[in-house]
């Protein structure tokens, strides 16, 4: 009787034992691999990867200064053509600015009457001298049209454009190659003299000649 009970208990234990396969499988814990960099060093959790720097390391100290980026567009080239002249304007005397405006040394600015775009007769000698100078150099010249600040910005921009175009046509009639002359209008945006008086206005109604 004791033997029968013992066998029965043994059978029950064997049936309930985990050693005997059942219909299901137990889940296993998955341990992800430790991430590494390309160099093989282990990445510590919670810390940034130190990626290698690209050639030509970026630095704010290496950025171009404002106004010197060149995208080779005509408008930007026209703007850059005057930067070398403008950079020294603040250091020039009023006498120098009155004589040279923002023109390249060797060239002389042309002045206009109020609300007029035609080249004045008393500017003819300056135009001839400028044309002769340009025929002796190989540079392209930019004619920069300017106005005083009376009138709307839109009107002055158009007026300064007409002034620059008339000066260009005048140079071409004097024998300057048309392909070497370009124009840009600044309207009233770049006054050489900031006073609100007849002298300042007369000096700002101007076309400058800037060599590229």
N, C-alpha and C. Protein backbone atom coordinates (compact mmCIF):
# COMPACT_ATOMS: atom_id res chain seq x y z
N UNK A 1 0.83 -1.19 0.00
CA UNK A 1 0.00 0.00 0.00
C UNK A 1 0.87 1.25 0.00
N UNK A 2 1.91 1.22 0.86
CA UNK A 2 2.84 2.35 0.90
C UNK A 2 3.56 2.48 -0.42
N UNK A 3 3.90 1.37 -1.06
CA UNK A 3 4.59 1.40 -2.34
C UNK A 3 3.72 2.03 -3.41
N UNK A 4 2.41 1.73 -3.39
CA UNK A 4 1.49 2.28 -4.37
C UNK A 4 1.37 3.79 -4.22
N UNK A 5 1.32 4.24 -2.96
CA UNK A 5 1.22 5.68 -2.72
C UNK A 5 2.48 6.39 -3.17
N UNK A 6 3.62 5.73 -2.91
CA UNK A 6 4.91 6.33 -3.30
C UNK A 6 4.99 6.46 -4.81
N UNK A 7 4.60 5.44 -5.54
CA UNK A 7 4.64 5.48 -7.01
C UNK A 7 3.72 6.55 -7.56
N UNK A 8 2.55 6.68 -6.91
CA UNK A 8 1.59 7.69 -7.37
C UNK A 8 2.15 9.10 -7.20
N UNK A 9 2.76 9.36 -6.05
CA UNK A 9 3.37 10.68 -5.80
C UNK A 9 4.51 10.95 -6.75
N UNK A 10 5.31 9.93 -7.02
CA UNK A 10 6.45 10.08 -7.94
C UNK A 10 5.98 10.44 -9.33
N UNK A 11 4.89 9.78 -9.76
CA UNK A 11 4.33 10.06 -11.09
C UNK A 11 3.83 11.50 -11.18
N UNK A 12 3.18 11.99 -10.12
CA UNK A 12 2.65 13.35 -10.11
C UNK A 12 3.77 14.38 -10.18
N UNK A 13 4.85 14.09 -9.47
CA UNK A 13 6.00 15.01 -9.47
C UNK A 13 6.62 15.08 -10.84
N UNK A 14 6.79 13.92 -11.50
CA UNK A 14 7.40 13.88 -12.84
C UNK A 14 6.54 14.61 -13.86
N UNK A 15 5.21 14.47 -13.74
CA UNK A 15 4.32 15.13 -14.69
C UNK A 15 4.40 16.64 -14.54
N UNK A 16 4.51 17.14 -13.32
CA UNK A 16 4.54 18.58 -13.07
C UNK A 16 5.93 19.18 -13.14
N UNK A 17 6.95 18.37 -13.40
CA UNK A 17 8.33 18.86 -13.42
C UNK A 17 8.58 19.76 -14.61
N UNK A 18 9.32 20.86 -14.44
CA UNK A 18 9.65 21.73 -15.58
C UNK A 18 10.61 21.13 -16.56
N UNK A 19 11.21 19.96 -16.19
CA UNK A 19 12.15 19.29 -17.10
C UNK A 19 11.44 18.65 -18.27
N UNK A 20 10.15 18.42 -18.09
CA UNK A 20 9.39 17.77 -19.15
C UNK A 20 8.84 18.86 -20.07
N UNK A 21 9.09 18.79 -21.40
CA UNK A 21 8.63 19.82 -22.33
C UNK A 21 7.12 19.95 -22.31
N UNK A 22 6.66 21.16 -22.43
CA UNK A 22 5.23 21.41 -22.53
C UNK A 22 4.93 22.01 -23.89
N UNK A 23 3.70 22.41 -24.09
CA UNK A 23 3.30 22.91 -25.41
C UNK A 23 3.80 24.32 -25.67
N UNK A 24 4.21 25.10 -24.66
CA UNK A 24 4.68 26.46 -24.86
C UNK A 24 6.14 26.60 -24.53
N UNK A 25 6.78 27.76 -24.99
CA UNK A 25 8.18 28.02 -24.71
C UNK A 25 8.26 29.26 -23.83
N UNK A 26 9.15 29.27 -22.90
CA UNK A 26 9.35 30.42 -22.03
C UNK A 26 10.06 31.55 -22.76
N UNK A 27 9.73 32.82 -22.44
CA UNK A 27 10.36 33.98 -23.06
C UNK A 27 11.75 34.20 -22.50
N UNK A 28 12.67 34.65 -23.38
CA UNK A 28 14.03 34.94 -22.96
C UNK A 28 14.26 36.45 -22.98
N UNK A 29 15.07 36.97 -22.08
CA UNK A 29 15.42 38.38 -22.05
C UNK A 29 16.42 38.69 -23.16
N UNK A 30 16.14 39.74 -23.94
CA UNK A 30 17.02 40.12 -25.04
C UNK A 30 17.91 41.27 -24.59
N UNK A 31 19.21 41.10 -24.66
CA UNK A 31 20.17 42.13 -24.27
C UNK A 31 20.75 42.75 -25.54
N UNK A 32 20.44 44.03 -25.81
CA UNK A 32 20.93 44.65 -27.06
C UNK A 32 22.44 44.78 -27.04
N UNK A 33 23.06 44.73 -28.23
CA UNK A 33 24.53 44.89 -28.29
C UNK A 33 24.93 46.29 -27.90
N UNK A 34 26.09 46.43 -27.33
CA UNK A 34 26.59 47.75 -26.94
C UNK A 34 27.00 48.53 -28.18
N UNK A 35 26.41 49.72 -28.40
CA UNK A 35 26.77 50.50 -29.61
C UNK A 35 28.21 50.95 -29.55
N UNK A 36 28.81 51.02 -30.74
CA UNK A 36 30.19 51.46 -30.85
C UNK A 36 30.31 52.46 -31.95
N UNK A 37 31.33 53.28 -31.92
CA UNK A 37 31.63 54.21 -32.99
C UNK A 37 32.35 53.49 -34.09
N UNK A 38 32.59 54.20 -35.20
CA UNK A 38 33.31 53.59 -36.31
C UNK A 38 34.71 53.16 -35.93
N UNK A 39 35.28 53.86 -34.95
CA UNK A 39 36.64 53.53 -34.54
C UNK A 39 36.67 52.33 -33.62
N UNK A 40 35.48 51.84 -33.17
CA UNK A 40 35.43 50.66 -32.33
C UNK A 40 35.32 50.97 -30.85
N UNK A 41 35.32 52.24 -30.47
CA UNK A 41 35.21 52.59 -29.07
C UNK A 41 33.77 52.50 -28.61
N UNK A 42 33.58 52.09 -27.37
CA UNK A 42 32.24 51.91 -26.83
C UNK A 42 31.59 53.24 -26.52
N UNK A 43 30.28 53.34 -26.83
CA UNK A 43 29.55 54.55 -26.55
C UNK A 43 28.90 54.42 -25.18
N UNK A 44 29.11 55.36 -24.31
CA UNK A 44 28.51 55.35 -23.00
C UNK A 44 27.11 55.88 -23.07
N UNK A 45 26.16 55.12 -22.46
CA UNK A 45 24.75 55.51 -22.53
C UNK A 45 24.55 56.90 -21.95
N UNK A 46 23.75 57.71 -22.67
CA UNK A 46 23.45 59.05 -22.18
C UNK A 46 24.44 60.10 -22.59
N UNK A 47 25.49 59.73 -23.35
CA UNK A 47 26.48 60.69 -23.79
C UNK A 47 26.49 60.77 -25.31
N UNK A 48 26.86 61.91 -25.82
CA UNK A 48 26.86 62.13 -27.27
C UNK A 48 28.02 61.42 -27.93
N UNK A 49 27.80 61.04 -29.18
CA UNK A 49 28.87 60.46 -29.97
C UNK A 49 29.72 61.57 -30.52
N UNK A 50 31.00 61.45 -30.42
CA UNK A 50 31.90 62.46 -30.96
C UNK A 50 32.20 62.14 -32.42
N UNK A 51 31.33 62.61 -33.30
CA UNK A 51 31.52 62.35 -34.72
C UNK A 51 32.75 63.08 -35.22
N UNK A 52 33.45 62.50 -36.18
CA UNK A 52 34.62 63.19 -36.74
C UNK A 52 34.19 64.43 -37.48
N UNK A 53 35.00 65.48 -37.42
CA UNK A 53 34.70 66.73 -38.09
C UNK A 53 34.99 66.61 -39.57
N UNK A 54 34.16 67.28 -40.37
CA UNK A 54 34.37 67.29 -41.82
C UNK A 54 35.57 68.16 -42.15
N UNK A 55 36.08 67.95 -43.35
CA UNK A 55 37.19 68.81 -43.80
C UNK A 55 36.70 70.24 -43.87
N UNK A 56 37.57 71.21 -43.55
CA UNK A 56 37.17 72.60 -43.57
C UNK A 56 36.26 72.89 -42.40
N UNK A 57 36.75 72.68 -41.20
CA UNK A 57 35.95 72.80 -39.99
C UNK A 57 35.20 74.12 -39.94
N UNK A 58 33.89 74.06 -39.65
CA UNK A 58 33.07 75.26 -39.56
C UNK A 58 33.43 76.04 -38.32
N UNK A 59 33.55 77.33 -38.46
CA UNK A 59 33.81 78.20 -37.33
C UNK A 59 33.25 79.57 -37.65
N UNK A 60 32.62 80.22 -36.66
CA UNK A 60 32.10 81.56 -36.90
C UNK A 60 33.22 82.53 -37.25
N UNK A 61 34.42 82.22 -36.77
CA UNK A 61 35.55 83.10 -37.06
C UNK A 61 35.97 83.04 -38.52
N UNK A 62 35.56 81.97 -39.22
CA UNK A 62 35.98 81.82 -40.61
C UNK A 62 34.91 82.30 -41.59
N UNK A 63 33.79 82.82 -41.09
CA UNK A 63 32.74 83.30 -41.98
C UNK A 63 33.17 84.57 -42.69
N UNK A 64 32.65 84.77 -43.90
CA UNK A 64 32.93 86.00 -44.62
C UNK A 64 32.27 87.16 -43.91
N UNK A 65 32.91 88.31 -43.96
CA UNK A 65 32.32 89.48 -43.34
C UNK A 65 31.10 89.89 -44.15
N UNK A 66 30.21 90.59 -43.49
CA UNK A 66 28.97 91.00 -44.13
C UNK A 66 29.25 91.81 -45.39
N UNK A 67 28.56 91.45 -46.45
CA UNK A 67 28.66 92.22 -47.67
C UNK A 67 29.74 91.76 -48.62
N UNK A 68 30.43 90.62 -48.31
CA UNK A 68 31.50 90.19 -49.20
C UNK A 68 31.18 88.86 -49.88
N UNK A 69 30.05 88.27 -49.61
CA UNK A 69 29.70 87.04 -50.30
C UNK A 69 29.42 87.35 -51.75
N UNK A 70 29.90 86.52 -52.65
CA UNK A 70 29.76 86.75 -54.08
C UNK A 70 29.05 85.56 -54.70
N UNK A 71 27.78 85.75 -55.08
CA UNK A 71 27.05 84.68 -55.73
C UNK A 71 27.10 84.80 -57.25
N UNK A 72 27.94 85.73 -57.72
CA UNK A 72 28.16 85.95 -59.15
C UNK A 72 26.93 86.48 -59.88
N UNK A 73 25.91 86.92 -59.12
CA UNK A 73 24.75 87.53 -59.78
C UNK A 73 25.09 88.97 -60.13
N UNK A 74 24.53 89.47 -61.24
CA UNK A 74 24.86 90.84 -61.66
C UNK A 74 24.59 91.88 -60.59
N UNK A 75 23.44 91.74 -59.87
CA UNK A 75 23.12 92.75 -58.86
C UNK A 75 24.13 92.74 -57.74
N UNK A 76 24.59 91.53 -57.36
CA UNK A 76 25.56 91.47 -56.26
C UNK A 76 26.92 91.96 -56.71
N UNK A 77 27.29 91.67 -57.95
CA UNK A 77 28.57 92.15 -58.46
C UNK A 77 28.57 93.67 -58.50
N UNK A 78 27.41 94.25 -58.91
CA UNK A 78 27.32 95.71 -58.94
C UNK A 78 27.49 96.28 -57.54
N UNK A 79 26.87 95.59 -56.57
CA UNK A 79 26.98 96.07 -55.19
C UNK A 79 28.41 95.96 -54.71
N UNK A 80 29.08 94.85 -55.01
CA UNK A 80 30.44 94.65 -54.55
C UNK A 80 31.40 95.62 -55.21
N UNK A 81 31.07 96.03 -56.43
CA UNK A 81 31.98 96.93 -57.12
C UNK A 81 32.19 98.23 -56.38
N UNK A 82 31.22 98.65 -55.56
CA UNK A 82 31.34 99.91 -54.85
C UNK A 82 31.82 99.74 -53.43
N UNK A 83 31.92 98.49 -52.95
CA UNK A 83 32.29 98.30 -51.55
C UNK A 83 33.69 98.79 -51.25
N UNK A 84 34.62 98.56 -52.17
CA UNK A 84 35.99 98.98 -51.92
C UNK A 84 36.10 100.49 -51.80
N UNK A 85 35.21 101.19 -52.52
CA UNK A 85 35.21 102.65 -52.42
C UNK A 85 34.52 103.08 -51.13
N UNK A 86 33.37 102.45 -50.82
CA UNK A 86 32.59 102.84 -49.66
C UNK A 86 33.33 102.61 -48.36
N UNK A 87 34.22 101.62 -48.34
CA UNK A 87 34.89 101.26 -47.09
C UNK A 87 35.68 102.41 -46.51
N UNK A 88 36.11 103.36 -47.37
CA UNK A 88 36.93 104.46 -46.88
C UNK A 88 36.18 105.78 -46.84
N UNK A 89 34.89 105.76 -47.20
CA UNK A 89 34.17 107.04 -47.30
C UNK A 89 34.09 107.76 -45.97
N UNK A 90 33.91 107.01 -44.89
CA UNK A 90 33.78 107.65 -43.59
C UNK A 90 35.05 108.35 -43.16
N UNK A 91 36.19 108.02 -43.75
CA UNK A 91 37.47 108.62 -43.38
C UNK A 91 37.82 109.80 -44.27
N UNK A 92 37.04 110.04 -45.33
CA UNK A 92 37.36 111.09 -46.27
C UNK A 92 36.77 112.42 -45.80
N UNK A 93 37.43 113.49 -46.16
CA UNK A 93 36.95 114.83 -45.82
C UNK A 93 35.79 115.20 -46.73
N UNK A 94 35.05 116.22 -46.33
CA UNK A 94 33.96 116.70 -47.18
C UNK A 94 34.49 117.21 -48.52
N UNK A 95 35.69 117.80 -48.50
CA UNK A 95 36.29 118.29 -49.75
C UNK A 95 36.58 117.14 -50.70
N UNK A 96 37.07 116.04 -50.14
CA UNK A 96 37.37 114.87 -50.99
C UNK A 96 36.08 114.31 -51.57
N UNK A 97 35.05 114.15 -50.74
CA UNK A 97 33.79 113.60 -51.21
C UNK A 97 33.12 114.51 -52.23
N UNK A 98 33.29 115.82 -52.05
CA UNK A 98 32.71 116.76 -53.01
C UNK A 98 33.38 116.64 -54.37
N UNK A 99 34.67 116.35 -54.38
CA UNK A 99 35.41 116.26 -55.63
C UNK A 99 35.28 114.90 -56.30
N UNK A 100 35.31 113.83 -55.47
CA UNK A 100 35.36 112.47 -56.03
C UNK A 100 34.08 111.66 -55.85
N UNK A 101 33.18 112.13 -54.99
CA UNK A 101 31.98 111.33 -54.72
C UNK A 101 32.38 109.95 -54.22
N UNK A 102 31.77 108.92 -54.82
CA UNK A 102 32.18 107.54 -54.55
C UNK A 102 32.86 106.92 -55.78
N UNK A 103 33.32 107.77 -56.68
CA UNK A 103 33.95 107.29 -57.90
C UNK A 103 35.36 106.76 -57.62
N UNK A 104 35.78 105.85 -58.48
CA UNK A 104 37.15 105.34 -58.40
C UNK A 104 38.13 106.47 -58.69
N UNK A 105 39.23 106.56 -57.93
CA UNK A 105 40.24 107.59 -58.22
C UNK A 105 40.64 107.56 -59.70
N UNK A 106 40.69 108.75 -60.30
CA UNK A 106 40.96 108.86 -61.73
C UNK A 106 39.70 109.17 -62.52
N UNK A 107 38.54 108.94 -61.88
CA UNK A 107 37.25 109.24 -62.50
C UNK A 107 36.52 110.28 -61.66
N UNK A 108 35.66 111.04 -62.30
CA UNK A 108 34.99 112.16 -61.63
C UNK A 108 33.48 112.01 -61.72
N UNK A 109 32.75 112.23 -60.61
CA UNK A 109 31.29 112.10 -60.64
C UNK A 109 30.62 113.17 -61.48
N UNK A 110 29.41 112.86 -61.92
CA UNK A 110 28.59 113.78 -62.70
C UNK A 110 27.40 114.20 -61.84
N UNK A 111 27.06 115.49 -61.85
CA UNK A 111 25.97 116.00 -61.03
C UNK A 111 24.79 116.43 -61.89
N UNK A 112 23.59 116.40 -61.28
CA UNK A 112 22.35 116.65 -62.02
C UNK A 112 21.54 117.76 -61.36
N UNK A 113 20.70 118.38 -62.16
CA UNK A 113 19.77 119.36 -61.63
C UNK A 113 18.63 118.64 -60.91
N UNK A 114 17.91 119.38 -60.09
CA UNK A 114 16.79 118.82 -59.34
C UNK A 114 15.74 118.24 -60.28
N UNK A 115 15.38 116.97 -60.01
CA UNK A 115 14.33 116.27 -60.76
C UNK A 115 14.64 116.13 -62.24
N UNK A 116 15.94 116.12 -62.59
CA UNK A 116 16.35 115.98 -63.99
C UNK A 116 17.29 114.79 -64.14
N UNK A 117 17.21 114.13 -65.31
CA UNK A 117 18.06 112.97 -65.57
C UNK A 117 19.05 113.20 -66.70
N UNK A 118 18.94 114.31 -67.40
CA UNK A 118 19.85 114.58 -68.51
C UNK A 118 21.19 115.10 -68.00
N UNK A 119 22.24 114.78 -68.75
CA UNK A 119 23.58 115.24 -68.39
C UNK A 119 23.67 116.74 -68.71
N UNK A 120 24.03 117.53 -67.71
CA UNK A 120 24.10 118.97 -67.89
C UNK A 120 25.24 119.36 -68.83
N UNK A 121 25.09 120.45 -69.58
CA UNK A 121 26.17 120.90 -70.48
C UNK A 121 27.48 121.16 -69.75
N UNK A 122 27.41 121.64 -68.51
CA UNK A 122 28.66 121.93 -67.79
C UNK A 122 29.35 120.67 -67.29
N UNK A 123 28.73 119.50 -67.51
CA UNK A 123 29.35 118.22 -67.15
C UNK A 123 30.02 117.56 -68.35
N UNK A 124 29.95 118.20 -69.52
CA UNK A 124 30.48 117.59 -70.74
C UNK A 124 31.98 117.34 -70.65
N UNK A 125 32.74 118.29 -70.12
CA UNK A 125 34.18 118.10 -70.02
C UNK A 125 34.53 116.92 -69.11
N UNK A 126 33.76 116.76 -68.03
CA UNK A 126 33.99 115.62 -67.15
C UNK A 126 33.70 114.30 -67.86
N UNK A 127 32.63 114.28 -68.63
CA UNK A 127 32.28 113.07 -69.37
C UNK A 127 33.37 112.71 -70.37
N UNK A 128 33.92 113.71 -71.06
CA UNK A 128 34.99 113.45 -72.03
C UNK A 128 36.23 112.93 -71.33
N UNK A 129 36.58 113.53 -70.20
CA UNK A 129 37.76 113.09 -69.45
C UNK A 129 37.57 111.67 -68.94
N UNK A 130 36.38 111.35 -68.43
CA UNK A 130 36.10 110.00 -67.94
C UNK A 130 36.15 108.97 -69.08
N UNK A 131 35.62 109.35 -70.23
CA UNK A 131 35.63 108.44 -71.38
C UNK A 131 37.05 108.15 -71.82
N UNK A 132 37.89 109.16 -71.86
CA UNK A 132 39.28 108.96 -72.24
C UNK A 132 40.01 108.06 -71.24
N UNK A 133 39.71 108.26 -69.97
CA UNK A 133 40.33 107.42 -68.94
C UNK A 133 39.90 105.96 -69.11
N UNK A 134 38.61 105.75 -69.35
CA UNK A 134 38.09 104.39 -69.49
C UNK A 134 38.64 103.69 -70.72
N UNK A 135 38.88 104.44 -71.77
CA UNK A 135 39.43 103.83 -72.98
C UNK A 135 40.88 103.41 -72.78
N UNK A 136 41.52 103.93 -71.73
CA UNK A 136 42.91 103.56 -71.46
C UNK A 136 43.06 102.42 -70.48
N UNK A 137 41.94 101.93 -69.93
CA UNK A 137 42.00 100.80 -69.00
C UNK A 137 41.09 99.69 -69.53
N UNK A 138 41.26 98.50 -69.02
CA UNK A 138 40.46 97.39 -69.51
C UNK A 138 39.31 97.01 -68.60
N UNK A 139 39.10 97.74 -67.51
CA UNK A 139 38.07 97.38 -66.54
C UNK A 139 36.66 97.71 -67.03
N UNK A 140 35.71 96.95 -66.51
CA UNK A 140 34.31 97.33 -66.67
C UNK A 140 34.00 98.43 -65.66
N UNK A 141 33.16 99.38 -66.06
CA UNK A 141 32.79 100.47 -65.17
C UNK A 141 31.32 100.36 -64.82
N UNK A 142 31.00 100.61 -63.58
CA UNK A 142 29.62 100.63 -63.11
C UNK A 142 29.20 102.09 -62.90
N UNK A 143 28.12 102.49 -63.54
CA UNK A 143 27.58 103.83 -63.33
C UNK A 143 26.53 103.73 -62.23
N UNK A 144 26.78 104.40 -61.10
CA UNK A 144 25.89 104.34 -59.95
C UNK A 144 25.04 105.62 -59.91
N UNK A 145 23.73 105.47 -60.10
CA UNK A 145 22.84 106.62 -60.07
C UNK A 145 22.33 106.90 -58.67
N UNK A 146 22.30 108.19 -58.29
CA UNK A 146 21.86 108.60 -56.96
C UNK A 146 20.94 109.81 -57.04
N UNK A 147 20.13 110.00 -55.98
CA UNK A 147 19.22 111.13 -55.87
C UNK A 147 19.33 111.75 -54.48
N UNK A 148 18.79 112.97 -54.35
CA UNK A 148 18.60 113.48 -53.00
C UNK A 148 17.32 112.83 -52.44
N UNK A 149 17.00 113.12 -51.19
CA UNK A 149 15.91 112.38 -50.53
C UNK A 149 14.55 113.04 -50.65
N UNK A 150 14.40 114.00 -51.53
CA UNK A 150 13.08 114.60 -51.74
C UNK A 150 12.32 113.79 -52.78
N UNK A 151 11.05 113.52 -52.51
CA UNK A 151 10.28 112.63 -53.37
C UNK A 151 10.19 111.25 -52.75
N UNK A 152 9.36 110.40 -53.34
CA UNK A 152 9.21 109.05 -52.79
C UNK A 152 10.41 108.18 -53.15
N UNK A 153 10.60 107.12 -52.39
CA UNK A 153 11.71 106.22 -52.65
C UNK A 153 11.58 105.57 -54.03
N UNK A 154 10.34 105.22 -54.39
CA UNK A 154 10.13 104.57 -55.69
C UNK A 154 10.45 105.52 -56.84
N UNK A 155 10.00 106.75 -56.71
CA UNK A 155 10.27 107.74 -57.77
C UNK A 155 11.77 108.00 -57.88
N UNK A 156 12.44 108.15 -56.75
CA UNK A 156 13.88 108.44 -56.77
C UNK A 156 14.69 107.26 -57.31
N UNK A 157 14.22 106.05 -57.04
CA UNK A 157 14.92 104.89 -57.59
C UNK A 157 14.85 104.88 -59.11
N UNK A 158 13.68 105.22 -59.64
CA UNK A 158 13.52 105.28 -61.10
C UNK A 158 14.30 106.45 -61.69
N UNK A 159 14.30 107.60 -61.00
CA UNK A 159 15.03 108.76 -61.49
C UNK A 159 16.53 108.49 -61.53
N UNK A 160 17.05 107.86 -60.48
CA UNK A 160 18.48 107.54 -60.44
C UNK A 160 18.85 106.54 -61.52
N UNK A 161 17.92 105.65 -61.85
CA UNK A 161 18.17 104.70 -62.93
C UNK A 161 18.28 105.42 -64.27
N UNK A 162 17.38 106.37 -64.51
CA UNK A 162 17.44 107.13 -65.77
C UNK A 162 18.74 107.92 -65.85
N UNK A 163 19.18 108.47 -64.74
CA UNK A 163 20.44 109.21 -64.74
C UNK A 163 21.61 108.29 -65.11
N UNK A 164 21.65 107.11 -64.51
CA UNK A 164 22.74 106.18 -64.81
C UNK A 164 22.72 105.73 -66.26
N UNK A 165 21.53 105.48 -66.80
CA UNK A 165 21.41 105.05 -68.19
C UNK A 165 21.84 106.16 -69.14
N UNK A 166 21.45 107.40 -68.85
CA UNK A 166 21.85 108.52 -69.71
C UNK A 166 23.37 108.70 -69.71
N UNK A 167 24.00 108.53 -68.55
CA UNK A 167 25.46 108.62 -68.49
C UNK A 167 26.09 107.49 -69.29
N UNK A 168 25.53 106.29 -69.18
CA UNK A 168 26.04 105.16 -69.97
C UNK A 168 25.96 105.46 -71.46
N UNK A 169 24.81 105.95 -71.92
CA UNK A 169 24.64 106.26 -73.34
C UNK A 169 25.62 107.35 -73.78
N UNK A 170 25.86 108.30 -72.91
CA UNK A 170 26.80 109.38 -73.21
C UNK A 170 28.20 108.80 -73.42
N UNK A 171 28.61 107.90 -72.53
CA UNK A 171 29.94 107.27 -72.66
C UNK A 171 30.05 106.47 -73.95
N UNK A 172 28.98 105.76 -74.29
CA UNK A 172 29.00 104.96 -75.51
C UNK A 172 29.15 105.87 -76.73
N UNK A 173 28.45 107.01 -76.72
CA UNK A 173 28.58 107.97 -77.83
C UNK A 173 29.98 108.55 -77.92
N UNK A 174 30.71 108.53 -76.80
CA UNK A 174 32.09 109.02 -76.80
C UNK A 174 33.10 107.92 -77.16
N UNK A 175 32.59 106.73 -77.47
CA UNK A 175 33.47 105.67 -77.96
C UNK A 175 33.79 104.57 -76.97
N UNK A 176 33.19 104.59 -75.78
CA UNK A 176 33.44 103.52 -74.81
C UNK A 176 32.64 102.28 -75.20
N UNK A 177 33.26 101.12 -75.12
CA UNK A 177 32.62 99.86 -75.48
C UNK A 177 31.38 99.63 -74.61
N UNK A 178 30.21 99.43 -75.20
CA UNK A 178 28.99 99.21 -74.41
C UNK A 178 29.08 98.02 -73.46
N UNK A 179 29.86 97.00 -73.86
CA UNK A 179 29.98 95.81 -73.02
C UNK A 179 30.77 96.07 -71.75
N UNK A 180 31.43 97.21 -71.68
CA UNK A 180 32.23 97.54 -70.51
C UNK A 180 31.53 98.51 -69.57
N UNK A 181 30.27 98.82 -69.85
CA UNK A 181 29.54 99.78 -69.02
C UNK A 181 28.25 99.13 -68.50
N UNK A 182 28.07 99.17 -67.19
CA UNK A 182 26.84 98.69 -66.56
C UNK A 182 26.30 99.77 -65.63
N UNK A 183 25.04 99.63 -65.26
CA UNK A 183 24.41 100.65 -64.42
C UNK A 183 23.76 100.01 -63.20
N UNK A 184 23.63 100.81 -62.16
CA UNK A 184 22.90 100.42 -60.96
C UNK A 184 22.28 101.68 -60.37
N UNK A 185 21.08 101.55 -59.83
CA UNK A 185 20.39 102.68 -59.21
C UNK A 185 20.30 102.48 -57.70
N UNK A 186 20.71 103.51 -56.96
CA UNK A 186 20.58 103.47 -55.51
C UNK A 186 19.51 104.44 -55.01
N UNK A 187 18.92 105.21 -55.91
CA UNK A 187 17.90 106.16 -55.48
C UNK A 187 18.44 107.10 -54.42
N UNK A 188 17.69 107.23 -53.34
CA UNK A 188 18.09 108.11 -52.23
C UNK A 188 18.76 107.35 -51.09
N UNK A 189 19.02 106.06 -51.30
CA UNK A 189 19.43 105.20 -50.20
C UNK A 189 20.88 105.38 -49.74
N UNK A 190 21.72 106.02 -50.55
CA UNK A 190 23.12 106.15 -50.17
C UNK A 190 23.59 107.60 -50.28
N UNK A 191 23.05 108.47 -49.45
CA UNK A 191 23.47 109.88 -49.51
C UNK A 191 24.92 110.04 -49.11
N UNK A 192 25.63 110.88 -49.85
CA UNK A 192 27.02 111.16 -49.51
C UNK A 192 27.09 112.24 -48.44
N UNK A 193 26.13 113.16 -48.48
CA UNK A 193 25.99 114.20 -47.46
C UNK A 193 24.58 114.08 -46.87
N UNK A 194 24.48 114.13 -45.56
CA UNK A 194 23.20 113.85 -44.90
C UNK A 194 22.44 115.11 -44.51
N UNK A 195 22.97 116.29 -44.78
CA UNK A 195 22.29 117.53 -44.41
C UNK A 195 21.03 117.76 -45.23
N UNK A 196 20.09 118.49 -44.64
CA UNK A 196 18.87 118.87 -45.34
C UNK A 196 19.00 120.31 -45.82
N UNK A 197 19.88 120.51 -46.79
CA UNK A 197 20.16 121.84 -47.32
C UNK A 197 20.52 121.72 -48.79
N UNK A 198 20.56 122.84 -49.47
CA UNK A 198 20.78 122.83 -50.92
C UNK A 198 22.13 122.21 -51.30
N UNK A 199 23.16 122.49 -50.50
CA UNK A 199 24.47 121.94 -50.82
C UNK A 199 24.43 120.41 -50.77
N UNK A 200 23.91 119.84 -49.69
CA UNK A 200 23.85 118.38 -49.55
C UNK A 200 23.02 117.76 -50.65
N UNK A 201 21.87 118.35 -50.93
CA UNK A 201 21.03 117.80 -51.98
C UNK A 201 21.74 117.82 -53.33
N UNK A 202 22.45 118.91 -53.62
CA UNK A 202 23.14 119.00 -54.91
C UNK A 202 24.24 117.96 -55.04
N UNK A 203 24.88 117.62 -53.94
CA UNK A 203 25.94 116.62 -53.97
C UNK A 203 25.41 115.19 -54.07
N UNK A 204 24.20 114.99 -53.63
CA UNK A 204 23.60 113.65 -53.67
C UNK A 204 22.91 113.36 -55.00
N UNK A 205 22.67 114.38 -55.81
CA UNK A 205 22.12 114.17 -57.16
C UNK A 205 23.30 113.89 -58.08
N UNK A 206 23.70 112.61 -58.16
CA UNK A 206 25.02 112.30 -58.68
C UNK A 206 25.04 110.93 -59.36
N UNK A 207 25.98 110.81 -60.32
CA UNK A 207 26.31 109.51 -60.88
C UNK A 207 27.80 109.27 -60.66
N UNK A 208 28.13 108.17 -60.03
CA UNK A 208 29.53 107.82 -59.79
C UNK A 208 30.00 106.80 -60.81
N UNK A 209 31.32 106.76 -61.01
CA UNK A 209 31.96 105.84 -61.94
C UNK A 209 32.89 104.92 -61.13
N UNK A 210 32.50 103.65 -61.04
CA UNK A 210 33.26 102.71 -60.20
C UNK A 210 33.80 101.57 -61.07
N UNK A 211 35.11 101.42 -61.07
CA UNK A 211 35.73 100.35 -61.84
C UNK A 211 35.61 99.02 -61.09
N UNK A 212 35.36 97.96 -61.85
CA UNK A 212 35.34 96.62 -61.26
C UNK A 212 36.74 96.03 -61.25
